[in-house]
Amino acid sequence: MLLLNNIITDKGSKYSVSGKACCSANEAKAFVNELKRTKKFAKATHNTWGLICNDGAIKADDGEAGAGMVILRMLERENIQNHVVVVTRWFGGKHLGGDRFRHVQTAVRKYLEEAKL
């Protein structure tokens, strides 16, 4: 598992990104639940994720509409399979509009670089 904390801050919102090798939707959900066992991640506003595996392309927006699809597109573009990527956001009180998608992309890009995928 790789976890990169507080990599982006904008208008009070903070982002982290994490992930690991994963082969199914159930494994991905278990990983997100594992993250949420940590108080910090349990209090996050959104834990969005994407995974491409034998089950197909799977995503979860967790209330951040469209964020899971952004993650999936990036995984598809890089041809990364069997690896779940989770972007976590703590809402800072001000809406970010379209910048939230840019931040998700930046977080995923940073994760892929650090994980050497």
C-alpha atoms as a PDB file:
ATOM      1  CA  MET A   1       0.000   0.000   0.000  1.00  0.00           C
ATOM      2  CA  LEU A   2       1.164   3.504  -0.827  1.00  0.00           C
ATOM      3  CA  LEU A   3      -0.347   6.549   0.909  1.00  0.00           C
ATOM      4  CA  LEU A   4       0.488  10.157   0.036  1.00  0.00           C
ATOM      5  CA  ASN A   5      -1.023  12.555   2.591  1.00  0.00           C
ATOM      6  CA  ASN A   6      -2.059  16.185   2.102  1.00  0.00           C
ATOM      7  CA  ILE A   7      -0.618  16.534  -1.392  1.00  0.00           C
ATOM      8  CA  ILE A   8      -3.046  19.283  -2.471  1.00  0.00           C
ATOM      9  CA  THR A   9      -4.693  22.112  -0.526  1.00  0.00           C
ATOM     10  CA  ASP A  10      -7.160  24.538  -2.139  1.00  0.00           C
ATOM     11  CA  LYS A  11      -9.647  26.882  -0.428  1.00  0.00           C
ATOM     12  CA  GLY A  12      -9.429  24.791   2.726  1.00  0.00           C
ATOM     13  CA  SER A  13     -10.022  21.447   0.997  1.00  0.00           C
ATOM     14  CA  LYS A  14      -7.243  18.886   1.387  1.00  0.00           C
ATOM     15  CA  TYR A  15      -6.491  15.859  -0.772  1.00  0.00           C
ATOM     16  CA  SER A  16      -4.628  12.620  -0.204  1.00  0.00           C
ATOM     17  CA  VAL A  17      -4.193   9.650  -2.510  1.00  0.00           C
ATOM     18  CA  SER A  18      -3.570   5.992  -1.797  1.00  0.00           C
ATOM     19  CA  GLY A  19      -3.751   2.633  -3.495  1.00  0.00           C
ATOM     20  CA  LYS A  20      -2.514  -0.911  -3.808  1.00  0.00           C
ATOM     21  CA  ALA A  21      -2.601  -3.987  -5.989  1.00  0.00           C
ATOM     22  CA  CYS A  22      -6.182  -5.224  -6.137  1.00  0.00           C
ATOM     23  CA  CYS A  23      -8.022  -7.819  -8.242  1.00  0.00           C
ATOM     24  CA  SER A  24     -11.746  -7.314  -7.494  1.00  0.00           C
ATOM     25  CA  ALA A  25     -14.427  -4.854  -6.459  1.00  0.00           C
ATOM     26  CA  ASN A  26     -14.703  -6.591  -3.089  1.00  0.00           C
ATOM     27  CA  GLU A  27     -10.967  -6.179  -2.494  1.00  0.00           C
ATOM     28  CA  ALA A  28     -11.199  -2.486  -3.417  1.00  0.00           C
ATOM     29  CA  LYS A  29     -14.123  -1.934  -1.027  1.00  0.00           C
ATOM     30  CA  ALA A  30     -12.211  -3.740   1.722  1.00  0.00           C
ATOM     31  CA  PHE A  31      -9.229  -1.436   1.120  1.00  0.00           C
ATOM     32  CA  VAL A  32     -11.412   1.677   1.421  1.00  0.00           C
ATOM     33  CA  ASN A  33     -12.922   0.262   4.624  1.00  0.00           C
ATOM     34  CA  GLU A  34      -9.388  -0.361   5.907  1.00  0.00           C
ATOM     35  CA  LEU A  35      -8.523   3.293   5.218  1.00  0.00           C
ATOM     36  CA  LYS A  36     -11.659   4.403   7.069  1.00  0.00           C
ATOM     37  CA  ARG A  37     -10.520   2.547  10.196  1.00  0.00           C
ATOM     38  CA  THR A  38      -8.104   5.445  10.583  1.00  0.00           C
ATOM     39  CA  LYS A  39      -9.993   8.326  12.215  1.00  0.00           C
ATOM     40  CA  LYS A  40      -8.629  10.841   9.711  1.00  0.00           C
ATOM     41  CA  PHE A  41     -10.013   8.941   6.699  1.00  0.00           C
ATOM     42  CA  ALA A  42     -13.265   8.083   8.459  1.00  0.00           C
ATOM     43  CA  LYS A  43     -13.892  11.838   8.797  1.00  0.00           C
ATOM     44  CA  ALA A  44     -13.100  12.553   5.120  1.00  0.00           C
ATOM     45  CA  THR A  45     -15.877  14.034   3.026  1.00  0.00           C
ATOM     46  CA  HIS A  46     -15.134  11.793   0.015  1.00  0.00           C
ATOM     47  CA  ASN A  47     -13.133   8.620  -0.616  1.00  0.00           C
ATOM     48  CA  THR A  48     -13.442   8.177  -4.388  1.00  0.00           C
ATOM     49  CA  TRP A  49     -11.789   5.303  -6.196  1.00  0.00           C
ATOM     50  CA  GLY A  50     -11.327   3.480  -9.483  1.00  0.00           C
ATOM     51  CA  LEU A  51     -10.181   0.008 -10.477  1.00  0.00           C
ATOM     52  CA  ILE A  52      -9.877  -1.927 -13.731  1.00  0.00           C
ATOM     53  CA  CYS A  53      -9.825  -5.683 -13.195  1.00  0.00           C
ATOM     54  CA  ASN A  54     -11.389  -8.911 -14.487  1.00  0.00           C
ATOM     55  CA  ASP A  55     -14.714  -7.679 -13.055  1.00  0.00           C
ATOM     56  CA  GLY A  56     -14.463  -4.730 -15.473  1.00  0.00           C
ATOM     57  CA  ALA A  57     -14.062  -1.017 -14.813  1.00  0.00           C
ATOM     58  CA  ILE A  58     -15.381  -0.200 -11.349  1.00  0.00           C
ATOM     59  CA  LYS A  59     -15.623   3.174  -9.631  1.00  0.00           C
ATOM     60  CA  ALA A  60     -17.137   4.842  -6.599  1.00  0.00           C
ATOM     61  CA  ASP A  61     -17.747   8.586  -6.344  1.00  0.00           C
ATOM     62  CA  ASP A  62     -18.670   8.660  -2.632  1.00  0.00           C
ATOM     63  CA  GLY A  63     -20.640  11.865  -3.182  1.00  0.00           C
ATOM     64  CA  GLU A  64     -17.989  13.556  -5.373  1.00  0.00           C
ATOM     65  CA  ALA A  65     -19.936  13.175  -8.643  1.00  0.00           C
ATOM     66  CA  GLY A  66     -17.684  12.301 -11.575  1.00  0.00           C
ATOM     67  CA  ALA A  67     -14.467  11.816  -9.599  1.00  0.00           C
ATOM     68  CA  GLY A  68     -14.476   8.023  -9.945  1.00  0.00           C
ATOM     69  CA  MET A  69     -14.728   8.365 -13.731  1.00  0.00           C
ATOM     70  CA  VAL A  70     -11.737  10.726 -13.760  1.00  0.00           C
ATOM     71  CA  ILE A  71      -9.702   8.089 -11.907  1.00  0.00           C
ATOM     72  CA  LEU A  72     -10.867   5.339 -14.280  1.00  0.00           C
ATOM     73  CA  ARG A  73      -9.968   7.372 -17.382  1.00  0.00           C
ATOM     74  CA  MET A  74      -6.462   7.936 -16.056  1.00  0.00           C
ATOM     75  CA  LEU A  75      -6.017   4.227 -15.264  1.00  0.00           C
ATOM     76  CA  GLU A  76      -7.271   3.327 -18.757  1.00  0.00           C
ATOM     77  CA  ARG A  77      -4.949   5.855 -20.402  1.00  0.00           C
ATOM     78  CA  GLU A  78      -1.942   4.378 -18.578  1.00  0.00           C
ATOM     79  CA  ASN A  79      -3.193   0.791 -19.120  1.00  0.00           C
ATOM     80  CA  ILE A  80      -3.091   0.046 -15.387  1.00  0.00           C
ATOM     81  CA  GLN A  81      -5.088  -2.954 -14.279  1.00  0.00           C
ATOM     82  CA  ASN A  82      -5.515  -4.727 -10.955  1.00  0.00           C
ATOM     83  CA  HIS A  83      -4.549  -1.660  -8.941  1.00  0.00           C
ATOM     84  CA  VAL A  84      -7.057   0.442  -6.986  1.00  0.00           C
ATOM     85  CA  VAL A  85      -6.425   4.177  -6.590  1.00  0.00           C
ATOM     86  CA  VAL A  86      -8.314   6.136  -3.909  1.00  0.00           C
ATOM     87  CA  VAL A  87      -8.455   9.940  -3.848  1.00  0.00           C
ATOM     88  CA  THR A  88      -9.591  11.306  -0.483  1.00  0.00           C
ATOM     89  CA  ARG A  89     -10.925  14.831   0.012  1.00  0.00           C
ATOM     90  CA  TRP A  90     -11.679  16.763   3.162  1.00  0.00           C
ATOM     91  CA  PHE A  91     -14.062  19.594   2.193  1.00  0.00           C
ATOM     92  CA  GLY A  92     -12.811  22.995   3.315  1.00  0.00           C
ATOM     93  CA  GLY A  93     -16.097  24.906   3.207  1.00  0.00           C
ATOM     94  CA  LYS A  94     -15.773  26.511  -0.239  1.00  0.00           C
ATOM     95  CA  HIS A  95     -16.877  24.889  -3.486  1.00  0.00           C
ATOM     96  CA  LEU A  96     -14.080  24.257  -5.963  1.00  0.00           C
ATOM     97  CA  GLY A  97     -16.173  23.854  -9.108  1.00  0.00           C
ATOM     98  CA  GLY A  98     -14.252  22.219 -11.953  1.00  0.00           C
ATOM     99  CA  ASP A  99     -10.972  22.564 -10.056  1.00  0.00           C
ATOM    100  CA  ARG A 100     -11.943  19.490  -8.045  1.00  0.00           C
ATOM    101  CA  PHE A 101     -11.472  17.345 -11.180  1.00  0.00           C
ATOM    102  CA  ARG A 102      -8.080  18.917 -11.831  1.00  0.00           C
ATOM    103  CA  HIS A 103      -7.095  18.090  -8.251  1.00  0.00           C
ATOM    104  CA  VAL A 104      -8.223  14.466  -8.649  1.00  0.00           C
ATOM    105  CA  GLN A 105      -6.101  14.210 -11.801  1.00  0.00           C
ATOM    106  CA  THR A 106      -3.091  15.757 -10.049  1.00  0.00           C
ATOM    107  CA  ALA A 107      -3.482  13.345  -7.118  1.00  0.00           C
ATOM    108  CA  VAL A 108      -3.717  10.280  -9.373  1.00  0.00           C
ATOM    109  CA  ARG A 109      -0.766  11.455 -11.483  1.00  0.00           C
ATOM    110  CA  LYS A 110       1.333  11.928  -8.312  1.00  0.00           C
ATOM    111  CA  TYR A 111       0.326   8.460  -7.083  1.00  0.00           C
ATOM    112  CA  LEU A 112       1.233   6.786 -10.389  1.00  0.00           C
ATOM    113  CA  GLU A 113       4.631   8.508 -10.360  1.00  0.00           C
ATOM    114  CA  GLU A 114       5.410   7.556  -6.763  1.00  0.00           C
ATOM    115  CA  ALA A 115       4.162   3.967  -7.210  1.00  0.00           C
ATOM    116  CA  LYS A 116       6.176   3.730 -10.455  1.00  0.00           C
ATOM    117  CA  LEU A 117       3.169   2.409 -12.389  1.00  0.00           C
END
